[in-house]
Amino acid sequence: MTKNPGSSFSGKQKRSEIAGIPTNVVVGVVGAGLALWFLFANLDKVKIQFWVFTVTAPLWIALLTTLLIGAVLGYVVKGRRDMR
């Protein structure tokens, strides 16, 4: 197999873009916007029951906490996958 000096292929995959912005940035911004919209649409107070005690708090706090825990777990799992 011979290399073509005029080829634009450099062995790396080109990242996809939307209007010049990397796709992962666009998806992240849209996802964050939808998450905020969902949080602010759920402002009622709810009872959150843990194993031993019950807490009354706005639903958006419970949702935000769940979102942050999921993001941290995703980051940790991604970091472990990158180390392999």
Protein backbone atom coordinates (compact mmCIF):
# COMPACT_ATOMS: atom_id res chain seq x y z
CA MET A 1 0.00 0.00 0.00
CA THR A 2 1.43 3.39 -0.92
CA LYS A 3 0.82 6.73 0.69
CA ASN A 4 -0.58 9.56 -1.35
CA PRO A 5 1.24 12.78 -0.40
CA GLY A 6 -1.75 14.88 -1.45
CA SER A 7 -4.13 12.94 0.76
CA SER A 8 -5.78 14.82 3.61
CA PHE A 9 -6.05 11.61 5.66
CA SER A 10 -3.56 11.86 8.51
CA GLY A 11 -4.53 8.73 10.43
CA LYS A 12 -6.83 10.64 12.78
CA GLN A 13 -10.59 10.74 12.56
CA LYS A 14 -12.05 14.17 11.89
CA ARG A 15 -14.46 15.28 14.57
CA SER A 16 -17.96 16.08 13.47
CA GLU A 17 -19.12 19.68 13.75
CA ILE A 18 -22.37 21.59 13.54
CA ALA A 19 -21.88 25.11 12.17
CA GLY A 20 -18.20 24.94 13.09
CA ILE A 21 -18.90 23.93 16.70
CA PRO A 22 -17.92 20.41 17.85
CA THR A 23 -20.94 18.12 18.12
CA ASN A 24 -20.23 17.17 21.73
CA VAL A 25 -20.40 20.86 22.74
CA VAL A 26 -23.73 21.32 20.93
CA VAL A 27 -25.19 18.18 22.54
CA GLY A 28 -23.92 19.28 25.97
CA VAL A 29 -25.43 22.76 25.71
CA VAL A 30 -28.77 21.44 24.43
CA GLY A 31 -28.81 18.75 27.15
CA ALA A 32 -28.01 21.30 29.87
CA GLY A 33 -30.76 23.60 28.57
CA LEU A 34 -33.32 20.78 28.60
CA ALA A 35 -32.23 19.76 32.11
CA LEU A 36 -32.65 23.33 33.39
CA TRP A 37 -36.04 23.63 31.74
CA PHE A 38 -37.11 20.34 33.35
CA LEU A 39 -35.80 21.44 36.75
CA PHE A 40 -37.65 24.76 36.69
CA ALA A 41 -40.85 23.04 35.54
CA ASN A 42 -40.83 20.98 38.76
CA LEU A 43 -40.85 23.43 41.66
CA ASP A 44 -43.39 21.69 43.93
CA LYS A 45 -42.35 20.38 47.33
CA VAL A 46 -42.17 16.61 47.72
CA LYS A 47 -41.41 14.13 50.47
CA ILE A 48 -38.24 12.18 49.81
CA GLN A 49 -38.03 9.01 51.84
CA PHE A 50 -34.63 7.53 52.60
CA TRP A 51 -34.18 4.26 54.48
CA VAL A 52 -34.31 5.82 57.94
CA PHE A 53 -35.74 9.33 57.57
CA THR A 54 -37.96 11.48 55.36
CA VAL A 55 -37.11 14.92 54.01
CA THR A 56 -39.44 17.50 52.48
CA ALA A 57 -37.74 19.53 49.76
CA PRO A 58 -38.48 21.10 46.38
CA LEU A 59 -38.50 18.50 43.62
CA TRP A 60 -35.95 20.48 41.60
CA ILE A 61 -33.36 19.95 44.34
CA ALA A 62 -33.89 16.19 44.23
CA LEU A 63 -33.69 16.19 40.43
CA LEU A 64 -30.55 18.37 40.40
CA THR A 65 -28.88 16.14 42.98
CA THR A 66 -29.69 13.07 40.88
CA LEU A 67 -28.36 14.79 37.76
CA LEU A 68 -25.09 15.75 39.48
CA ILE A 69 -24.59 12.26 40.92
CA GLY A 70 -25.17 10.79 37.45
CA ALA A 71 -22.68 13.21 35.89
CA VAL A 72 -20.02 12.37 38.47
CA LEU A 73 -20.55 8.63 38.00
CA GLY A 74 -20.39 9.04 34.22
CA TYR A 75 -17.15 10.99 34.52
CA VAL A 76 -15.63 8.34 36.80
CA VAL A 77 -16.64 5.46 34.52
CA LYS A 78 -15.35 7.31 31.45
CA GLY A 79 -12.04 7.96 33.22
CA ARG A 80 -11.68 4.30 34.08
CA ARG A 81 -12.46 3.31 30.48
CA ASP A 82 -9.81 5.70 29.14
CA MET A 83 -7.13 4.12 31.37
CA ARG A 84 -7.49 0.69 29.71
